[in-house]
Amino acid sequence: MITLLFPLDQALGLAEHALTAPDHVRSLTREEEGLPAVPALLWVKDDGTYLMSNGIPGPPADPGRPDAGQQVVYADGWGSGTRQELGHTDEIGGDDFVEHLELTQRFPDGRVLIDLLRAAARQRRPWLALVLEDLDTFRYAFPKPDTQGPAVNHGSPADPPRRPSANRRDIGGL
């Protein structure tokens, strides 16, 4: 098991961007099923692992430099230059990928990811954690301040939302 910690305030900023964007990058699964694109965070693994908005146009990394690329939020300790190390983890693997974390998808318990992000921010949680159990399964958590792990799973001691990596696809680099 590995836990990826993303600064919640920055992840929420990207999520809010995706929600308000006029258009969105469609996931491979939605494309194959003929479904429209929906607002999502894109969890990417290439040279590091990070989140980005699927909103079009994407938020610029540097508004003063249009050629600077799109804003991303790296997982703590897994920034640029960690591709090889990430490739040796059992839970992430060597292939580059993008996974769509749909912000409006309902979990079996009725909760929605964007609501979980906003509630965690109101509770001043510092992190959005992706707890990777293996290559195919992960869950969300929002650790309490001053902890480095998933101490609290969305305020519910029951089974937290889990999802298979159905939308993960090899991107061969970005």
Protein backbone atom coordinates (compact mmCIF):
# COMPACT_ATOMS: atom_id res chain seq x y z
CA MET A 1 0.00 0.00 0.00
CA ILE A 2 1.20 3.52 -0.80
CA THR A 3 -0.42 6.84 0.10
CA LEU A 4 -0.05 9.82 -2.22
CA LEU A 5 -0.60 13.15 -0.47
CA PHE A 6 -1.71 16.16 -2.51
CA PRO A 7 -2.10 19.63 -0.93
CA LEU A 8 -5.86 19.88 -0.54
CA ASP A 9 -6.14 23.62 -1.13
CA GLN A 10 -4.38 23.31 -4.49
CA ALA A 11 -6.31 20.16 -5.49
CA LEU A 12 -9.58 21.89 -4.63
CA GLY A 13 -8.57 24.89 -6.76
CA LEU A 14 -8.08 22.57 -9.73
CA ALA A 15 -11.39 20.85 -8.99
CA GLU A 16 -13.26 24.17 -8.89
CA HIS A 17 -11.63 25.10 -12.20
CA ALA A 18 -12.84 21.84 -13.76
CA LEU A 19 -16.38 22.46 -12.52
CA THR A 20 -16.58 25.93 -14.05
CA ALA A 21 -14.72 25.26 -17.31
CA PRO A 22 -16.81 25.49 -20.50
CA ASP A 23 -15.50 22.18 -21.86
CA HIS A 24 -13.68 19.06 -20.60
CA VAL A 25 -11.28 16.36 -21.68
CA ARG A 26 -13.28 13.14 -21.98
CA SER A 27 -12.03 9.93 -20.36
CA LEU A 28 -11.32 6.90 -22.52
CA THR A 29 -14.12 4.98 -20.79
CA ARG A 30 -16.67 7.73 -21.48
CA GLU A 31 -15.44 8.02 -25.04
CA GLU A 32 -15.83 4.28 -25.66
CA GLU A 33 -19.33 4.33 -24.13
CA GLY A 34 -20.38 7.40 -26.14
CA LEU A 35 -20.88 9.45 -22.98
CA PRO A 36 -20.09 13.16 -22.66
CA ALA A 37 -17.10 14.49 -20.75
CA VAL A 38 -17.70 15.50 -17.12
CA PRO A 39 -15.66 17.68 -14.74
CA ALA A 40 -12.76 15.72 -13.25
CA LEU A 41 -9.35 15.90 -11.72
CA LEU A 42 -6.82 14.08 -13.85
CA TRP A 43 -4.42 11.94 -11.81
CA VAL A 44 -1.34 11.57 -14.00
CA LYS A 45 1.77 9.43 -13.67
CA ASP A 46 4.64 10.26 -15.97
CA ASP A 47 7.66 12.22 -14.69
CA GLY A 48 6.26 12.28 -11.16
CA THR A 49 2.62 11.93 -10.21
CA TYR A 50 0.25 14.86 -10.08
CA LEU A 51 -3.28 16.18 -10.42
CA MET A 52 -4.54 18.55 -13.07
CA SER A 53 -7.93 19.89 -14.18
CA ASN A 54 -9.66 18.33 -17.17
CA GLY A 55 -11.26 21.71 -17.87
CA ILE A 56 -10.68 23.27 -21.28
CA PRO A 57 -8.97 25.65 -21.40
CA GLY A 58 -6.73 24.43 -18.58
CA PRO A 59 -5.47 26.80 -15.89
CA PRO A 60 -2.05 28.13 -16.90
CA ALA A 61 0.96 27.32 -14.73
CA ASP A 62 2.10 30.92 -15.19
CA PRO A 63 -0.54 33.36 -16.49
CA GLY A 64 2.23 35.65 -17.73
CA ARG A 65 3.74 32.91 -19.89
CA PRO A 66 1.24 31.05 -22.08
CA ASP A 67 3.97 28.59 -23.12
CA ALA A 68 4.59 27.52 -19.49
CA GLY A 69 2.06 24.68 -19.66
CA GLN A 70 -0.87 23.85 -17.45
CA GLN A 71 -1.04 24.11 -13.66
CA VAL A 72 -0.43 20.81 -11.85
CA VAL A 73 -0.26 19.73 -8.20
CA TYR A 74 2.40 17.10 -7.47
CA ALA A 75 2.02 14.46 -4.78
CA ASP A 76 4.25 15.21 -1.81
CA GLY A 77 7.67 13.66 -2.50
CA TRP A 78 6.74 12.51 -6.03
CA GLY A 79 7.59 15.55 -8.15
CA SER A 80 9.44 15.88 -11.41
CA GLY A 81 12.38 13.49 -11.60
CA THR A 82 10.73 10.58 -9.74
CA ARG A 83 9.54 8.61 -12.81
CA GLN A 84 11.97 5.73 -12.30
CA GLU A 85 11.29 5.41 -8.57
CA LEU A 86 7.51 5.49 -9.15
CA GLY A 87 7.89 2.78 -11.78
CA HIS A 88 9.29 0.43 -9.14
CA THR A 89 6.28 0.71 -6.82
CA ASP A 90 3.86 -2.21 -6.96
CA GLU A 91 0.83 0.06 -6.57
CA ILE A 92 1.67 2.46 -9.40
CA GLY A 93 3.80 0.47 -11.82
CA GLY A 94 6.00 1.49 -14.71
CA ASP A 95 3.49 2.58 -17.34
CA ASP A 96 2.52 6.23 -17.64
CA PHE A 97 -1.22 6.80 -17.21
CA VAL A 98 -4.01 9.28 -16.65
CA GLU A 99 -6.97 8.46 -14.39
CA HIS A 100 -10.10 10.62 -14.43
CA LEU A 101 -11.36 11.32 -10.89
CA GLU A 102 -14.90 12.41 -11.74
CA LEU A 103 -15.96 15.22 -9.41
CA THR A 104 -19.71 14.56 -9.69
CA GLN A 105 -19.68 10.76 -9.56
CA ARG A 106 -21.84 9.32 -6.77
CA PHE A 107 -20.27 6.74 -4.50
CA PRO A 108 -22.41 3.84 -3.24
CA ASP A 109 -23.06 5.74 0.01
CA GLY A 110 -24.42 8.75 -1.92
CA ARG A 111 -21.46 11.06 -1.42
CA VAL A 112 -19.84 12.98 -4.30
CA LEU A 113 -16.10 13.71 -4.61
CA ILE A 114 -16.42 17.52 -4.96
CA ASP A 115 -18.53 17.62 -1.77
CA LEU A 116 -15.89 15.56 0.06
CA LEU A 117 -13.14 17.94 -1.09
CA ARG A 118 -15.10 21.02 0.01
CA ALA A 119 -16.02 19.49 3.38
CA ALA A 120 -12.39 18.53 4.05
CA ALA A 121 -11.28 22.09 3.21
CA ARG A 122 -13.86 23.50 5.64
CA GLN A 123 -12.42 21.17 8.29
CA ARG A 124 -8.95 22.54 7.44
CA ARG A 125 -7.63 19.18 6.33
CA PRO A 126 -4.24 19.73 4.66
CA TRP A 127 -4.21 16.77 2.29
CA LEU A 128 -6.17 14.88 -0.31
CA ALA A 129 -4.79 11.36 0.00
CA LEU A 130 -5.05 8.68 -2.65
CA VAL A 131 -4.50 5.41 -0.81
CA LEU A 132 -3.36 2.89 -3.40
CA GLU A 133 -3.96 -0.68 -2.37
CA ASP A 134 -2.75 -2.22 -5.63
CA LEU A 135 -2.66 -1.38 -9.35
CA ASP A 136 -6.46 -1.58 -9.62
CA THR A 137 -7.90 -0.13 -6.41
CA PHE A 138 -7.57 3.10 -4.50
CA ARG A 139 -9.56 5.10 -1.98
CA TYR A 140 -9.75 8.73 -0.95
CA ALA A 141 -8.83 10.01 2.50
CA PHE A 142 -8.37 13.40 4.15
CA PRO A 143 -5.76 13.14 6.93
CA LYS A 144 -5.96 15.40 9.95
CA PRO A 145 -3.35 18.15 10.29
CA ASP A 146 0.08 16.98 11.50
CA THR A 147 -0.43 13.42 10.25
CA GLN A 148 1.16 11.75 7.28
CA GLY A 149 -1.43 9.12 6.56
CA PRO A 150 -5.13 8.53 6.06
CA ALA A 151 -6.15 9.09 9.69
CA VAL A 152 -9.71 9.96 8.76
CA ASN A 153 -11.60 8.61 5.78
CA HIS A 154 -14.13 11.38 4.98
CA GLY A 155 -15.48 11.35 8.53
CA SER A 156 -16.90 7.87 8.05
CA PRO A 157 -15.45 4.88 9.89
CA ALA A 158 -17.36 2.62 7.53
CA ASP A 159 -16.06 1.63 4.14
CA PRO A 160 -14.76 4.84 2.47
CA PRO A 161 -15.41 5.39 -1.23
CA ARG A 162 -13.26 3.11 -3.36
CA ARG A 163 -13.06 2.87 -7.03
CA PRO A 164 -11.40 0.57 -9.48
CA SER A 165 -9.06 2.22 -11.91
CA ALA A 166 -11.42 1.74 -14.84
CA ASN A 167 -10.41 4.98 -16.53
CA ARG A 168 -6.66 4.50 -16.16
CA ARG A 169 -5.00 4.47 -19.52
CA ASP A 170 -1.46 4.44 -20.76
CA ILE A 171 -0.62 7.90 -22.06
CA GLY A 172 2.94 7.29 -23.17
CA GLY A 173 4.02 10.62 -21.66
CA LEU A 174 2.40 14.01 -21.98
